[in-house]
């Protein structure tokens, strides 16, 4: 497996604004196509982009200490960085939002589990608005709960229920306050004439204060799926099951733009607040095949995750057992997706990684400005990218031996 070269860099570490500059050796060509700016980067831009450096060691580590039984981050999937480098983390069980000091040595719980003001049952999104106003989307009541930077409750935003069977998932907000949502419907019927594998369109919705309903802006293709079923106790329900290592769309918001990618090719599309396509950033890269090692690793991780859910007691045992038995029936794509993740950091930059399989020990990200300009390349230790600001990045990692989860905060600076 590859080793994270950025972690082994010897020399002075620069803590500076990583959002400036780029690599003058990587030039894009831009052309107009019916009013859309097509920005083409050469295929080797991935390797030639300016490499940003990480600190030689994490600046702080939160969780993962076997001797600390008071902090369990095993059900954490959400995190963010405030401008003063404090770290936000949300866990599912118990339902809690924790705010840690920049050095990770102290923590404060924000709000509490419940259904009253400043309370929540299931946090599905965690982000910051404006000057570090903390926004937590509560999936059960379909509202965003707001907190001041010190954790004081600051009201909430209630969204309309809408006419969708599957609740829309929040995906971000625009600078003008527009809230964006996406509907992914595993119960959707395959398109007419669909073969074994298919993609059901996924609508992107917008909501603005004062509206009684959400507006549909445009559609993106859902994950590559196939017909499957899920055990409902007395019977089975037909659903769409995503094909392992397959392509899927990602959508995120930065400033005044909505960024999407279809996943099956390296393409980042920027749309305005009305959903109109304005820019398409592209890069020609050769696909990578899914190996037998990739498949074995995927099955092992899937089994491990289901066993963890079984231990938490949050799903019917019969359902978990049924899903475990289906692991060996998993269908795999032949090639890894061109883009495996798209996310927006706390200062509005776009981070994308390719479809690198989980067997790799590091993940490489390209970072773009909201203009579509390529800023640099970052090599992170394998884990989930939780957020980044001008000079720090936070990664959720899991210890393979103990299973304990920790959040590592690394210093981030431009390459020499």
Protein backbone atom coordinates (compact mmCIF):
# COMPACT_ATOMS: atom_id res chain seq x y z
CA UNK A 1 0.00 0.00 0.00
CA UNK A 2 1.10 3.54 -0.66
CA UNK A 3 2.47 5.57 2.22
CA UNK A 4 1.34 9.17 2.81
CA UNK A 5 4.27 11.08 1.39
CA UNK A 6 2.93 14.35 2.76
CA UNK A 7 3.30 13.02 6.28
CA UNK A 8 6.98 12.26 5.72
CA UNK A 9 8.00 15.65 4.39
CA UNK A 10 11.15 16.90 6.08
CA UNK A 11 11.65 20.62 6.45
CA UNK A 12 9.81 23.64 7.63
CA UNK A 13 6.05 23.41 7.83
CA UNK A 14 4.11 26.36 6.51
CA UNK A 15 0.92 27.34 8.26
CA UNK A 16 -0.50 29.80 5.77
CA UNK A 17 -3.61 30.44 3.79
CA UNK A 18 -3.90 27.38 1.59
CA UNK A 19 -6.71 28.88 -0.47
CA UNK A 20 -4.43 31.02 -2.61
CA UNK A 21 -2.38 30.18 -5.61
CA UNK A 22 -2.18 26.92 -7.49
CA UNK A 23 0.31 25.28 -9.79
CA UNK A 24 1.20 27.37 -12.82
CA UNK A 25 2.44 24.18 -14.52
CA UNK A 26 -1.14 22.86 -14.66
CA UNK A 27 -2.99 24.94 -17.22
CA UNK A 28 -6.60 24.47 -18.23
CA UNK A 29 -8.19 25.38 -21.52
CA UNK A 30 -11.57 27.11 -21.45
CA UNK A 31 -14.14 27.22 -24.23
CA UNK A 32 -17.72 28.34 -24.50
CA UNK A 33 -20.51 25.90 -25.35
CA UNK A 34 -23.97 27.46 -25.62
CA UNK A 35 -23.17 29.88 -22.81
CA UNK A 36 -21.55 27.24 -20.56
CA UNK A 37 -17.84 27.60 -19.77
CA UNK A 38 -16.12 24.23 -20.41
CA UNK A 39 -12.87 24.05 -18.44
CA UNK A 40 -10.63 21.15 -19.54
CA UNK A 41 -7.66 20.03 -17.44
CA UNK A 42 -5.15 17.54 -18.86
CA UNK A 43 -5.27 14.01 -17.51
CA UNK A 44 -1.96 14.40 -15.65
CA UNK A 45 -3.22 17.45 -13.72
CA UNK A 46 -4.03 15.07 -10.84
CA UNK A 47 -0.38 14.14 -10.42
CA UNK A 48 1.08 17.56 -11.32
CA UNK A 49 -1.10 19.73 -9.10
CA UNK A 50 0.76 21.59 -6.38
CA UNK A 51 1.02 19.33 -3.33
CA UNK A 52 -0.04 20.88 -0.05
CA UNK A 53 1.78 19.68 3.03
CA UNK A 54 0.41 18.35 6.30
CA UNK A 55 2.00 18.84 9.69
CA UNK A 56 4.39 16.04 10.64
CA UNK A 57 2.01 14.95 13.40
CA UNK A 58 -1.66 15.68 14.18
CA UNK A 59 -2.10 19.00 15.97
CA UNK A 60 -4.75 17.36 18.13
CA UNK A 61 -6.46 13.99 18.47
CA UNK A 62 -10.00 13.64 19.80
CA UNK A 63 -11.20 10.23 20.97
CA UNK A 64 -9.62 6.83 20.36
CA UNK A 65 -8.20 6.54 23.89
CA UNK A 66 -9.03 3.09 25.35
CA UNK A 67 -8.69 4.47 28.89
CA UNK A 68 -11.31 7.20 28.32
CA UNK A 69 -14.66 5.49 28.73
CA UNK A 70 -16.53 8.82 28.84
CA UNK A 71 -16.13 9.51 25.11
CA UNK A 72 -17.47 7.14 22.46
CA UNK A 73 -17.29 8.41 18.88
CA UNK A 74 -18.17 5.09 17.22
CA UNK A 75 -21.50 6.44 15.90
CA UNK A 76 -20.08 9.77 14.73
CA UNK A 77 -20.38 10.55 11.03
CA UNK A 78 -20.54 14.35 11.09
CA UNK A 79 -17.97 16.99 11.96
CA UNK A 80 -16.83 20.50 11.14
CA UNK A 81 -14.20 23.12 12.01
CA UNK A 82 -15.03 26.54 13.35
CA UNK A 83 -12.95 29.54 12.26
CA UNK A 84 -11.12 29.53 15.61
CA UNK A 85 -10.19 25.85 15.04
CA UNK A 86 -12.63 24.38 17.55
CA UNK A 87 -14.02 21.04 16.38
CA UNK A 88 -17.69 20.07 16.12
CA UNK A 89 -18.71 16.40 16.24
CA UNK A 90 -22.19 14.84 16.20
CA UNK A 91 -22.97 11.27 17.27
CA UNK A 92 -26.05 9.20 16.57
CA UNK A 93 -26.13 7.10 19.74
CA UNK A 94 -26.38 8.82 22.09
CA UNK A 95 -27.77 11.78 20.14
CA UNK A 96 -25.38 14.59 20.97
CA UNK A 97 -23.41 17.47 19.49
CA UNK A 98 -20.01 18.04 21.06
CA UNK A 99 -17.84 21.13 20.73
CA UNK A 100 -14.14 20.56 21.42
CA UNK A 101 -11.41 23.08 22.06
CA UNK A 102 -8.79 23.48 19.30
CA UNK A 103 -6.34 21.27 21.20
CA UNK A 104 -9.02 18.64 21.91
CA UNK A 105 -8.51 18.75 25.67
CA UNK A 106 -11.94 20.04 26.66
CA UNK A 107 -15.46 19.54 25.35
CA UNK A 108 -18.92 20.99 25.77
CA UNK A 109 -22.20 19.37 24.82
CA UNK A 110 -24.44 21.61 22.71
CA UNK A 111 -28.15 21.16 23.23
CA UNK A 112 -29.40 17.77 24.30
CA UNK A 113 -31.49 14.81 23.20
CA UNK A 114 -35.18 15.59 23.06
CA UNK A 115 -37.85 17.36 21.03
CA UNK A 116 -37.97 20.81 22.65
CA UNK A 117 -36.16 24.05 21.74
CA UNK A 118 -32.46 23.39 21.19
CA UNK A 119 -33.06 19.63 21.37
CA UNK A 120 -32.70 16.91 18.74
CA UNK A 121 -33.26 13.21 18.10
CA UNK A 122 -31.28 12.55 14.94
CA UNK A 123 -28.75 15.02 13.51
CA UNK A 124 -28.41 14.39 9.76
CA UNK A 125 -26.23 17.38 8.88
CA UNK A 126 -23.85 19.62 10.81
CA UNK A 127 -22.40 22.85 9.41
CA UNK A 128 -21.56 26.46 10.20
CA UNK A 129 -23.35 29.54 8.89
CA UNK A 130 -22.00 33.08 8.71
CA UNK A 131 -19.77 33.91 11.66
CA UNK A 132 -19.66 30.41 13.10
CA UNK A 133 -23.37 30.03 13.79
CA UNK A 134 -23.75 26.27 14.28
CA UNK A 135 -26.55 24.66 12.26
CA UNK A 136 -27.75 21.12 13.00
CA UNK A 137 -30.40 19.56 10.75
CA UNK A 138 -32.78 17.43 12.80
CA UNK A 139 -34.13 14.72 10.49
CA UNK A 140 -37.11 13.64 12.60
CA UNK A 141 -38.74 17.08 12.74
CA UNK A 142 -37.23 18.40 9.46
CA UNK A 143 -35.80 21.55 10.99
CA UNK A 144 -32.42 23.19 11.42
CA UNK A 145 -31.53 24.01 15.01
CA UNK A 146 -29.23 27.02 15.41
CA UNK A 147 -26.64 27.64 18.10
CA UNK A 148 -24.30 30.56 18.75
CA UNK A 149 -20.53 29.85 18.69
CA UNK A 150 -20.59 29.35 22.48
CA UNK A 151 -23.33 26.73 22.16
CA UNK A 152 -26.25 28.94 23.23
CA UNK A 153 -29.50 28.00 21.41
CA UNK A 154 -30.45 30.60 18.78
CA UNK A 155 -33.77 29.37 17.44
CA UNK A 156 -34.59 27.04 14.57
CA UNK A 157 -35.72 26.96 10.94
CA UNK A 158 -38.72 24.78 10.12
CA UNK A 159 -38.98 23.34 6.61
CA UNK A 160 -42.19 22.27 4.85
CA UNK A 161 -42.93 18.56 4.80
CA UNK A 162 -43.30 18.52 1.01
CA UNK A 163 -44.88 15.89 -1.17
CA UNK A 164 -42.07 13.31 -1.25
CA UNK A 165 -42.43 9.89 0.37
CA UNK A 166 -38.70 9.84 1.14
CA UNK A 167 -37.67 12.84 3.28
CA UNK A 168 -35.27 15.18 1.45
CA UNK A 169 -31.70 15.26 2.74
CA UNK A 170 -30.01 18.65 3.30
CA UNK A 171 -26.88 19.16 1.18
CA UNK A 172 -25.90 22.75 1.95
CA UNK A 173 -26.81 26.39 1.53
CA UNK A 174 -26.03 29.27 -0.81
CA UNK A 175 -24.71 32.67 0.19
CA UNK A 176 -28.17 34.20 -0.27
CA UNK A 177 -29.64 31.85 2.36
CA UNK A 178 -31.18 29.35 -0.05
CA UNK A 179 -31.28 25.90 1.56
CA UNK A 180 -30.63 22.93 -0.74
CA UNK A 181 -31.96 19.38 -0.39
CA UNK A 182 -31.74 16.14 -2.35
CA UNK A 183 -34.17 13.24 -2.59
CA UNK A 184 -32.69 9.76 -3.07
CA UNK A 185 -35.51 7.24 -3.43
CA UNK A 186 -34.55 3.55 -3.14
CA UNK A 187 -38.20 2.67 -3.80
CA UNK A 188 -38.26 4.40 -7.17
CA UNK A 189 -39.21 2.35 -10.21
CA UNK A 190 -36.42 1.69 -12.74
CA UNK A 191 -36.65 3.71 -15.95
CA UNK A 192 -38.62 2.05 -18.73
CA UNK A 193 -36.48 -0.47 -20.60
CA UNK A 194 -33.75 -0.41 -17.92
CA UNK A 195 -31.27 -3.28 -17.98
CA UNK A 196 -30.00 -5.08 -14.88
CA UNK A 197 -28.23 -1.94 -13.68
CA UNK A 198 -29.92 1.44 -13.76
CA UNK A 199 -29.91 4.96 -12.28
CA UNK A 200 -33.08 6.65 -10.99
CA UNK A 201 -33.03 10.44 -11.23
CA UNK A 202 -32.62 12.28 -7.93
CA UNK A 203 -34.19 15.76 -7.64
CA UNK A 204 -32.32 18.72 -6.13
CA UNK A 205 -34.69 20.98 -4.20
CA UNK A 206 -34.42 24.56 -2.97
CA UNK A 207 -36.18 26.32 -0.13
CA UNK A 208 -36.11 29.99 0.77
CA UNK A 209 -37.48 31.63 3.91
CA UNK A 210 -41.20 32.25 3.63
CA UNK A 211 -41.90 29.53 1.07
CA UNK A 212 -44.66 27.00 1.72
CA UNK A 213 -42.99 24.33 -0.43
CA UNK A 214 -39.65 23.37 -1.89
CA UNK A 215 -38.84 24.09 -5.53
CA UNK A 216 -37.26 21.46 -7.78
CA UNK A 217 -34.22 23.04 -9.43
CA UNK A 218 -32.85 20.14 -11.49
CA UNK A 219 -32.24 16.39 -11.47
CA UNK A 220 -29.03 14.42 -11.02
CA UNK A 221 -28.60 10.69 -11.67
CA UNK A 222 -28.85 8.53 -8.56
CA UNK A 223 -26.43 5.71 -7.74
CA UNK A 224 -26.02 2.81 -10.16
CA UNK A 225 -28.43 0.25 -8.70
CA UNK A 226 -30.12 -3.06 -9.29
CA UNK A 227 -33.39 -4.50 -8.04
CA UNK A 228 -33.13 -6.11 -4.63
CA UNK A 229 -35.14 -6.57 -1.47
CA UNK A 230 -35.02 -5.94 2.24
CA UNK A 231 -36.40 -8.18 5.00
CA UNK A 232 -39.47 -6.58 6.63
CA UNK A 233 -40.16 -9.40 9.09
CA UNK A 234 -43.47 -10.67 7.69
CA UNK A 235 -42.23 -10.26 4.12
CA UNK A 236 -39.84 -8.46 1.85
CA UNK A 237 -39.89 -5.02 0.26
CA UNK A 238 -38.45 -4.47 -3.21
CA UNK A 239 -35.83 -1.71 -3.21
CA UNK A 240 -32.95 -0.48 -5.34
CA UNK A 241 -29.62 -1.74 -4.05
CA UNK A 242 -26.53 0.28 -5.04
CA UNK A 243 -23.86 -1.72 -6.84
CA UNK A 244 -20.63 -1.81 -4.81
CA UNK A 245 -17.90 0.61 -5.96
CA UNK A 246 -20.31 2.09 -8.42
CA UNK A 247 -20.71 5.67 -9.56
CA UNK A 248 -23.05 8.04 -7.79
CA UNK A 249 -23.76 11.74 -7.94
CA UNK A 250 -22.61 14.22 -5.31
CA UNK A 251 -24.04 17.69 -4.81
CA UNK A 252 -22.77 20.49 -2.58
CA UNK A 253 -23.06 24.27 -2.31
CA UNK A 254 -20.32 26.89 -2.20
CA UNK A 255 -21.00 30.62 -2.18
CA UNK A 256 -23.34 31.37 -5.07
CA UNK A 257 -22.87 28.04 -6.88
CA UNK A 258 -24.28 24.52 -6.68
CA UNK A 259 -21.61 21.95 -7.57
CA UNK A 260 -22.49 18.46 -8.80
CA UNK A 261 -20.72 15.47 -10.33
CA UNK A 262 -22.20 12.37 -11.97
CA UNK A 263 -19.34 10.31 -10.52
CA UNK A 264 -18.79 8.09 -13.56
CA UNK A 265 -16.49 10.63 -15.18
CA UNK A 266 -14.31 13.43 -13.84
CA UNK A 267 -16.70 16.31 -14.27
CA UNK A 268 -17.61 19.07 -11.82
CA UNK A 269 -20.64 21.08 -12.91
CA UNK A 270 -21.44 24.46 -11.38
CA UNK A 271 -25.01 25.80 -11.45
CA UNK A 272 -26.46 29.09 -10.29
CA UNK A 273 -29.25 29.53 -7.76
CA UNK A 274 -31.88 28.82 -10.44
CA UNK A 275 -30.26 25.50 -11.35
CA UNK A 276 -28.90 26.73 -14.69
CA UNK A 277 -25.57 25.16 -15.72
CA UNK A 278 -22.82 27.82 -15.97
CA UNK A 279 -19.47 25.97 -15.73
CA UNK A 280 -18.24 22.41 -16.33
CA UNK A 281 -14.76 21.45 -15.08
CA UNK A 282 -13.42 18.28 -16.68
CA UNK A 283 -10.33 16.09 -16.52
CA UNK A 284 -9.50 13.05 -18.68
CA UNK A 285 -8.26 10.21 -16.44
CA UNK A 286 -7.92 6.50 -17.15
CA UNK A 287 -10.33 4.34 -15.10
CA UNK A 288 -9.09 1.84 -12.53
CA UNK A 289 -10.49 -1.70 -12.39
CA UNK A 290 -12.04 -3.17 -9.24
CA UNK A 291 -9.75 -5.96 -8.04
CA UNK A 292 -10.51 -9.13 -6.09
CA UNK A 293 -8.76 -7.52 -3.11
CA UNK A 294 -11.11 -4.56 -3.37
CA UNK A 295 -14.10 -6.92 -3.32
CA UNK A 296 -12.86 -8.89 -0.30
CA UNK A 297 -12.11 -5.70 1.60
CA UNK A 298 -15.54 -4.28 0.82
CA UNK A 299 -17.33 -7.42 2.06
CA UNK A 300 -15.27 -7.47 5.24
CA UNK A 301 -16.06 -3.83 5.98
CA UNK A 302 -19.76 -4.35 5.23
CA UNK A 303 -19.91 -7.34 7.58
CA UNK A 304 -18.07 -5.41 10.27
CA UNK A 305 -20.48 -2.49 9.97
CA UNK A 306 -23.57 -4.70 10.19
CA UNK A 307 -22.19 -6.47 13.26
CA UNK A 308 -21.66 -3.08 14.87
CA UNK A 309 -25.26 -2.09 14.14
CA UNK A 310 -26.40 -5.41 15.61
CA UNK A 311 -24.47 -4.66 18.80
CA UNK A 312 -26.02 -1.21 19.08
CA UNK A 313 -29.54 -2.66 19.00
CA UNK A 314 -30.90 0.03 16.67
CA UNK A 315 -32.28 -2.34 14.01
CA UNK A 316 -34.33 -5.56 14.17
CA UNK A 317 -32.02 -8.60 14.60
CA UNK A 318 -33.79 -10.44 11.76
CA UNK A 319 -33.05 -7.57 9.39
CA UNK A 320 -29.36 -7.53 10.32
CA UNK A 321 -29.07 -11.29 9.93
CA UNK A 322 -30.76 -11.13 6.53
CA UNK A 323 -28.37 -8.41 5.35
CA UNK A 324 -25.34 -10.37 6.55
CA UNK A 325 -26.47 -13.42 4.57
CA UNK A 326 -26.73 -11.25 1.44
CA UNK A 327 -23.15 -10.02 1.64
CA UNK A 328 -21.84 -12.81 -0.58
CA UNK A 329 -24.45 -11.85 -3.17
CA UNK A 330 -23.02 -8.33 -3.47
CA UNK A 331 -22.75 -7.08 -7.04
CA UNK A 332 -19.64 -5.10 -7.94
CA UNK A 333 -18.90 -2.54 -10.62
CA UNK A 334 -16.09 -3.42 -13.02
CA UNK A 335 -14.39 -0.05 -12.57
CA UNK A 336 -14.00 2.35 -9.68
CA UNK A 337 -15.83 5.65 -10.09
CA UNK A 338 -13.96 8.65 -11.48
CA UNK A 339 -15.00 10.70 -8.44
CA UNK A 340 -15.67 8.98 -5.13
CA UNK A 341 -16.47 12.03 -3.02
CA UNK A 342 -17.23 15.73 -3.42
CA UNK A 343 -17.44 18.02 -0.41
CA UNK A 344 -17.19 21.71 0.46
CA UNK A 345 -14.93 22.88 3.28
CA UNK A 346 -15.59 25.66 5.79
CA UNK A 347 -14.06 28.33 3.51
CA UNK A 348 -15.94 27.31 0.37
CA UNK A 349 -13.34 25.24 -1.48
CA UNK A 350 -14.33 22.07 -3.35
CA UNK A 351 -12.58 18.83 -2.34
CA UNK A 352 -12.81 15.77 -4.61
CA UNK A 353 -11.20 12.36 -4.44
CA UNK A 354 -11.25 9.59 -7.00
CA UNK A 355 -12.84 6.19 -6.49
CA UNK A 356 -9.84 4.83 -4.60
CA UNK A 357 -10.83 1.62 -2.84
CA UNK A 358 -10.67 1.26 0.93
CA UNK A 359 -7.59 -0.97 0.77
CA UNK A 360 -5.38 2.08 0.18
CA UNK A 361 -3.71 3.60 3.24
CA UNK A 362 -4.09 7.19 2.06
CA UNK A 363 -6.54 9.23 0.04
CA UNK A 364 -5.59 11.93 -2.42
CA UNK A 365 -7.84 14.96 -2.86
CA UNK A 366 -7.81 17.71 -5.44
CA UNK A 367 -8.92 21.09 -4.12
CA UNK A 368 -10.65 23.62 -6.37
CA UNK A 369 -11.68 27.21 -5.78
CA UNK A 370 -15.33 28.15 -6.20
CA UNK A 371 -14.29 29.60 -9.56
CA UNK A 372 -13.27 26.11 -10.75
CA UNK A 373 -9.54 26.89 -10.58
CA UNK A 374 -7.37 23.99 -9.43
CA UNK A 375 -5.62 25.04 -6.21
CA UNK A 376 -3.68 21.96 -5.13
CA UNK A 377 -3.48 18.31 -4.16
CA UNK A 378 -3.67 16.98 -0.60
CA UNK A 379 -2.71 13.49 0.57
CA UNK A 380 -4.60 12.54 3.74
CA UNK A 381 -4.43 9.44 5.91
CA UNK A 382 -7.32 7.17 4.98
CA UNK A 383 -10.55 8.09 6.72
CA UNK A 384 -13.53 10.41 6.33
CA UNK A 385 -12.80 14.05 5.54
CA UNK A 386 -14.88 16.00 8.05
CA UNK A 387 -13.88 19.54 7.20
CA UNK A 388 -11.10 22.01 6.53
CA UNK A 389 -10.42 25.70 6.96
CA UNK A 390 -7.53 27.88 5.81
CA UNK A 391 -4.82 25.99 7.66
CA UNK A 392 -6.31 22.85 9.21
CA UNK A 393 -8.10 19.70 8.16
CA UNK A 394 -9.96 17.17 10.31
CA UNK A 395 -10.22 13.46 9.44
CA UNK A 396 -12.33 10.79 11.13
CA UNK A 397 -10.30 7.60 11.50
CA UNK A 398 -10.93 4.16 12.95
CA UNK A 399 -8.30 1.99 14.58
CA UNK A 400 -8.28 -1.35 12.76
CA UNK A 401 -7.23 -3.28 15.88
CA UNK A 402 -9.41 -1.72 18.59
CA UNK A 403 -12.27 -0.37 16.46
CA UNK A 404 -12.07 2.91 18.37
CA UNK A 405 -12.85 6.08 16.43
CA UNK A 406 -10.78 9.24 16.67
CA UNK A 407 -10.78 12.63 14.97
CA UNK A 408 -7.34 13.84 13.91
CA UNK A 409 -6.72 17.53 13.23
CA UNK A 410 -3.76 18.14 10.90
CA UNK A 411 -2.08 21.40 10.01
CA UNK A 412 -2.44 22.24 6.32
CA UNK A 413 -0.22 24.48 4.24
CA UNK A 414 0.80 25.04 0.58
CA UNK A 415 3.71 23.07 -0.87
CA UNK A 416 7.18 24.52 -1.07
